[in-house]
């Protein structure tokens, strides 16, 4: 699943004597990430590690794009500079962003009437 030949990154939150419930896999390209999601969603995977045979449960895979912070760290590493340790990369907060680009997203103004909007909000919020 790695078209770059550089390998993939596996981030494992390992706690001693506990079952590992999740891990993060870093792919080198969006197309590689999409391929692995399509190929392995709900599949089980078997692999060997240190002479032990390991098998996953059914996989749940999710695709997340690269954040600006993780891109900056990646570029620093490519230049031989180890970035500061600290907070994990997080996507930019969209509530304070003036312009957000979402591929394929279209905003249709006044799509619902005021009455339709009120009914929809009642359905979504439920009884108080």
Foldseek 3Di string as FASTA:
>chain_A
DAPVPPDKDKAFPDDPPDDGDDIDIGHPDPVVLVVCCVPQQQHKDWDDDPNDIDIDGGDHDDDDDDAPVNVVQVVCVVVVHHDDDDDDDDHDDPVPDPDDDDPPDDDDPPPDPPVRVVVVVCVVVDDD
